[in-house]
Amino acid sequence: MNLTHSDVEKYHRDGYLLVENVFTQQEVDYMLHEIEHGEKVSALTAEMSDKRGRKAKLAIWEDLTDDIWSAVSTCPRIANSVRILLGEEISFYHGKVMLKKAHEGGAWEWHQDYGYWYPSFMFPHMISAFTALDEATSENGCLKVLKGSHKLGRIDHGMLGGQLGADLERLMMVEQTLEQVEVQMKPGSVLFFHCNLLHASGPNLSDQHRRSFIVCYNALSNPCTLDQVDRNCIPVPAGSDKLF
């Protein structure tokens, strides 16, 4: 997997880049098996309510260990692409599995990741790599983005239900100006997106689960503002392209 100069230009222009077929179906099935039968995701899963009270589930961790999730996080297909898009060496911030169960999975309100991460890092030199593990469609609550919104800078955030979301008055103005794009994805595809890109997703009203794995990275030169995140000053180790 090699990103082109055009790919990098598109990322910096739009705030995101969708790359198809990054992972094989066998690799995706391995990750789904770990979600359904492994201990890590089940032990760490918590629920967060959207503003209508529906529940979205999230499992999050901040360490690299000897498991499939760390193998994906350090895999050259992901890590080298992030290095190219950020233009420098990177550190691992966290990994997370997002779970939207069929018929009941809640929405994620409009937000910027840096709206959450601002207290911990000085600059918005951060990126997420979102891997679809199920087909992501309009019906099961695929990701929506506001194209080019990463250029707005950080927007104020406040609580919406049990989630932190972008200021609604400001969001209304932005929605009238920027194009909204539904990011429908096949399993194994990866969406790379800037930490200031406004994004959201609707509830899952379909009979199909929507599960995804997201790895978040920091530019190694981006200072941490909290002492307890010194681990973010360590470069991502060189992983293998063979996940298992």
Protein backbone atom coordinates (compact mmCIF):
# COMPACT_ATOMS: atom_id res chain seq x y z
CA MET A 1 0.00 0.00 0.00
CA ASN A 2 1.56 3.28 -1.16
CA LEU A 3 -0.09 6.67 -0.91
CA THR A 4 0.42 8.96 -3.88
CA HIS A 5 1.14 12.67 -3.95
CA SER A 6 -2.48 13.12 -5.08
CA ASP A 7 -3.70 11.18 -2.02
CA VAL A 8 -1.74 13.44 0.31
CA GLU A 9 -3.06 16.56 -1.43
CA LYS A 10 -6.63 15.26 -1.11
CA TYR A 11 -6.17 14.59 2.60
CA HIS A 12 -4.88 18.10 3.26
CA ARG A 13 -7.62 19.66 1.13
CA ASP A 14 -10.60 17.68 2.45
CA GLY A 15 -9.42 16.61 5.89
CA TYR A 16 -9.87 12.91 5.14
CA LEU A 17 -8.81 10.16 2.77
CA LEU A 18 -10.65 6.90 2.10
CA VAL A 19 -8.50 3.93 1.04
CA GLU A 20 -10.22 0.73 -0.09
CA ASN A 21 -9.11 -2.87 0.56
CA VAL A 22 -6.42 -2.11 3.12
CA PHE A 23 -7.23 -5.32 5.00
CA THR A 24 -8.34 -8.68 3.61
CA GLN A 25 -11.61 -10.33 4.57
CA GLN A 26 -9.61 -12.94 6.51
CA GLU A 27 -7.96 -10.18 8.55
CA VAL A 28 -11.32 -8.49 9.13
CA ASP A 29 -12.85 -11.81 10.23
CA TYR A 30 -10.01 -12.26 12.74
CA MET A 31 -10.78 -8.85 14.26
CA LEU A 32 -14.51 -9.62 14.39
CA HIS A 33 -13.76 -12.91 16.12
CA GLU A 34 -11.78 -11.01 18.77
CA ILE A 35 -14.70 -8.63 19.28
CA GLU A 36 -17.15 -11.49 19.69
CA HIS A 37 -14.99 -13.94 21.67
CA GLY A 38 -11.94 -12.08 23.01
CA GLU A 39 -11.66 -10.71 26.54
CA LYS A 40 -10.22 -7.26 25.84
CA VAL A 41 -13.14 -5.62 24.05
CA SER A 42 -15.80 -7.11 26.32
CA ALA A 43 -13.90 -6.07 29.44
CA LEU A 44 -13.44 -2.46 28.30
CA THR A 45 -16.78 -1.76 26.59
CA ALA A 46 -18.83 1.13 27.95
CA GLU A 47 -22.05 2.74 26.74
CA MET A 48 -22.52 6.39 25.79
CA SER A 49 -25.95 7.90 25.15
CA ASP A 50 -26.72 10.14 22.20
CA LYS A 51 -29.09 13.10 22.68
CA ARG A 52 -32.10 10.82 22.03
CA GLY A 53 -31.00 8.32 24.65
CA ARG A 54 -29.86 5.56 22.28
CA LYS A 55 -26.71 3.71 23.34
CA ALA A 56 -23.48 3.61 21.33
CA LYS A 57 -20.82 1.27 22.69
CA LEU A 58 -17.10 1.92 22.84
CA ALA A 59 -14.05 -0.02 24.07
CA ILE A 60 -10.86 2.03 24.36
CA TRP A 61 -7.27 1.37 25.49
CA GLU A 62 -3.99 3.29 25.57
CA ASP A 63 -1.32 0.58 25.38
CA LEU A 64 0.32 -1.54 22.71
CA THR A 65 0.46 -5.21 23.65
CA ASP A 66 0.76 -8.59 21.95
CA ASP A 67 -2.67 -8.80 20.31
CA ILE A 68 -4.39 -8.28 16.96
CA TRP A 69 -5.30 -4.67 17.80
CA SER A 70 -1.67 -3.70 18.38
CA ALA A 71 -0.63 -5.63 15.28
CA VAL A 72 -3.04 -3.50 13.24
CA SER A 73 -1.93 -0.31 15.02
CA THR A 74 1.73 -0.88 14.10
CA CYS A 75 1.07 -2.48 10.69
CA PRO A 76 2.95 -0.60 7.91
CA ARG A 77 -0.26 -0.34 5.89
CA ILE A 78 -1.65 1.96 8.58
CA ALA A 79 1.35 3.40 10.43
CA ASN A 80 3.40 4.31 7.35
CA SER A 81 0.37 5.94 5.73
CA VAL A 82 -0.12 8.06 8.85
CA ARG A 83 3.56 9.02 8.81
CA ILE A 84 3.18 10.17 5.21
CA LEU A 85 -0.01 12.14 5.89
CA LEU A 86 1.40 13.86 9.00
CA GLY A 87 4.82 14.28 7.42
CA GLU A 88 6.79 12.97 10.37
CA GLU A 89 7.28 10.19 12.90
CA ILE A 90 4.24 9.30 15.00
CA SER A 91 3.29 7.99 18.43
CA PHE A 92 0.34 5.79 19.39
CA TYR A 93 -2.38 7.63 21.33
CA HIS A 94 -5.12 5.03 21.69
CA GLY A 95 -7.10 2.30 19.97
CA LYS A 96 -10.85 1.80 20.19
CA VAL A 97 -13.54 -0.51 18.93
CA MET A 98 -16.88 1.12 18.13
CA LEU A 99 -19.97 -1.08 18.37
CA LYS A 100 -23.37 -0.20 16.87
CA LYS A 101 -25.68 -3.13 17.41
CA ALA A 102 -28.40 -3.83 14.87
CA HIS A 103 -31.69 -1.98 15.55
CA GLU A 104 -30.43 -0.24 18.69
CA GLY A 105 -26.98 1.31 18.17
CA GLY A 106 -26.94 5.00 19.03
CA ALA A 107 -25.67 7.97 17.03
CA TRP A 108 -22.44 9.87 17.53
CA GLU A 109 -23.09 13.61 17.58
CA TRP A 110 -21.14 16.08 15.44
CA HIS A 111 -17.73 16.64 16.98
CA GLN A 112 -14.02 17.09 16.37
CA ASP A 113 -11.67 14.61 18.00
CA TYR A 114 -9.46 17.51 19.02
CA GLY A 115 -12.49 18.85 20.89
CA TYR A 116 -11.81 15.95 23.26
CA TRP A 117 -8.02 15.88 22.98
CA TYR A 118 -7.26 19.61 23.30
CA PRO A 119 -6.42 19.46 27.04
CA SER A 120 -3.75 16.81 26.40
CA PHE A 121 -1.93 18.05 23.29
CA MET A 122 -0.67 21.47 22.26
CA PHE A 123 -1.33 21.30 18.51
CA PRO A 124 -3.95 19.53 16.35
CA HIS A 125 -1.24 17.45 14.67
CA MET A 126 -3.18 14.24 15.16
CA ILE A 127 -4.97 11.75 12.97
CA SER A 128 -7.34 8.78 13.20
CA ALA A 129 -7.39 5.65 11.04
CA PHE A 130 -10.93 4.23 10.96
CA THR A 131 -11.18 0.61 9.73
CA ALA A 132 -14.63 -0.69 8.75
CA LEU A 133 -15.20 -4.24 10.00
CA ASP A 134 -18.77 -4.47 8.69
CA GLU A 135 -20.19 -2.75 5.65
CA ALA A 136 -20.96 0.84 6.66
CA THR A 137 -24.15 2.17 5.05
CA SER A 138 -26.68 4.95 5.51
CA GLU A 139 -29.02 2.46 7.16
CA ASN A 140 -26.61 1.23 9.83
CA GLY A 141 -25.16 4.61 10.75
CA CYS A 142 -22.07 5.17 8.62
CA LEU A 143 -19.75 8.07 9.28
CA LYS A 144 -20.67 11.54 7.98
CA VAL A 145 -18.09 14.29 7.55
CA LEU A 146 -18.13 17.99 6.70
CA LYS A 147 -15.61 18.27 3.90
CA GLY A 148 -12.80 20.73 4.61
CA SER A 149 -14.01 21.45 8.16
CA HIS A 150 -10.55 20.69 9.58
CA LYS A 151 -9.55 24.15 8.35
CA LEU A 152 -11.99 25.83 10.76
CA GLY A 153 -9.75 25.26 13.76
CA ARG A 154 -11.07 23.91 17.03
CA ILE A 155 -14.74 24.60 17.75
CA ASP A 156 -16.16 24.85 21.27
CA HIS A 157 -17.73 21.62 22.53
CA GLY A 158 -20.37 20.88 25.17
CA MET A 159 -22.42 17.95 26.41
CA LEU A 160 -25.13 16.53 24.13
CA GLY A 161 -26.79 13.63 25.92
CA GLY A 162 -23.89 11.61 27.28
CA GLN A 163 -21.47 12.78 24.60
CA LEU A 164 -19.30 15.81 23.97
CA GLY A 165 -20.45 17.55 20.79
CA ALA A 166 -19.70 20.65 18.73
CA ASP A 167 -21.40 23.94 19.59
CA LEU A 168 -24.78 23.72 17.84
CA GLU A 169 -25.03 27.37 16.83
CA ARG A 170 -21.60 27.28 15.21
CA LEU A 171 -22.36 23.91 13.65
CA MET A 172 -25.49 25.27 11.94
CA MET A 173 -23.42 27.94 10.20
CA VAL A 174 -20.79 25.43 9.15
CA GLU A 175 -23.39 23.02 7.74
CA GLN A 176 -24.73 25.80 5.52
CA THR A 177 -21.26 26.41 4.10
CA LEU A 178 -19.50 23.05 3.77
CA GLU A 179 -20.47 19.89 1.91
CA GLN A 180 -21.67 16.96 4.01
CA VAL A 181 -20.38 13.60 2.78
CA GLU A 182 -21.66 10.17 3.79
CA VAL A 183 -18.67 7.84 3.99
CA GLN A 184 -20.02 4.43 3.01
CA MET A 185 -17.34 1.78 3.43
CA LYS A 186 -16.69 -1.87 2.64
CA PRO A 187 -15.10 -4.12 5.30
CA GLY A 188 -11.33 -3.70 5.28
CA SER A 189 -11.43 -0.11 4.01
CA VAL A 190 -9.75 2.62 6.05
CA LEU A 191 -10.68 6.27 6.46
CA PHE A 192 -7.80 8.50 7.57
CA PHE A 193 -9.05 11.79 9.00
CA HIS A 194 -7.70 14.94 10.64
CA CYS A 195 -8.43 15.53 14.33
CA ASN A 196 -10.28 18.79 13.57
CA LEU A 197 -12.55 17.26 10.91
CA LEU A 198 -16.18 17.55 11.99
CA HIS A 199 -17.78 14.13 11.84
CA ALA A 200 -20.82 12.29 13.15
CA SER A 201 -22.83 9.15 12.52
CA GLY A 202 -26.50 8.28 12.70
CA PRO A 203 -28.16 5.49 14.70
CA ASN A 204 -28.18 1.91 13.47
CA LEU A 205 -31.80 1.21 12.51
CA SER A 206 -30.92 -1.74 10.29
CA ASP A 207 -30.68 -5.48 10.99
CA GLN A 208 -26.89 -5.40 10.43
CA HIS A 209 -24.27 -4.59 13.06
CA ARG A 210 -21.79 -1.79 12.34
CA ARG A 211 -18.45 -2.40 14.02
CA SER A 212 -15.18 -0.59 13.44
CA PHE A 213 -11.65 -0.29 14.81
CA ILE A 214 -10.09 3.15 15.12
CA VAL A 215 -6.44 3.90 15.86
CA CYS A 216 -5.48 7.44 16.88
CA TYR A 217 -1.97 8.83 16.47
CA ASN A 218 -0.08 11.94 17.50
CA ALA A 219 2.75 13.62 15.60
CA LEU A 220 5.87 12.84 17.62
CA SER A 221 6.84 16.54 17.71
CA ASN A 222 3.46 17.55 19.18
CA PRO A 223 4.05 18.34 22.87
CA CYS A 224 1.94 16.62 25.49
CA THR A 225 0.48 19.05 28.02
CA LEU A 226 -0.16 16.45 30.76
CA ASP A 227 2.67 14.66 32.52
CA GLN A 228 0.88 11.31 32.56
CA VAL A 229 0.92 11.00 28.76
CA ASP A 230 4.70 10.69 28.42
CA ARG A 231 4.12 7.41 26.55
CA ASN A 232 2.94 9.53 23.62
CA CYS A 233 6.53 10.68 23.11
CA ILE A 234 7.58 7.16 22.07
CA PRO A 235 7.64 6.37 18.32
CA VAL A 236 5.29 3.68 17.06
CA PRO A 237 7.37 0.50 16.75
CA ALA A 238 7.95 -1.05 13.35
CA GLY A 239 5.28 -3.70 12.99
CA SER A 240 4.87 -6.59 10.62
CA ASP A 241 2.63 -6.59 7.57
CA LYS A 242 1.57 -10.10 8.62
CA LEU A 243 -1.06 -9.63 11.32
CA PHE A 244 -1.28 -13.23 12.53
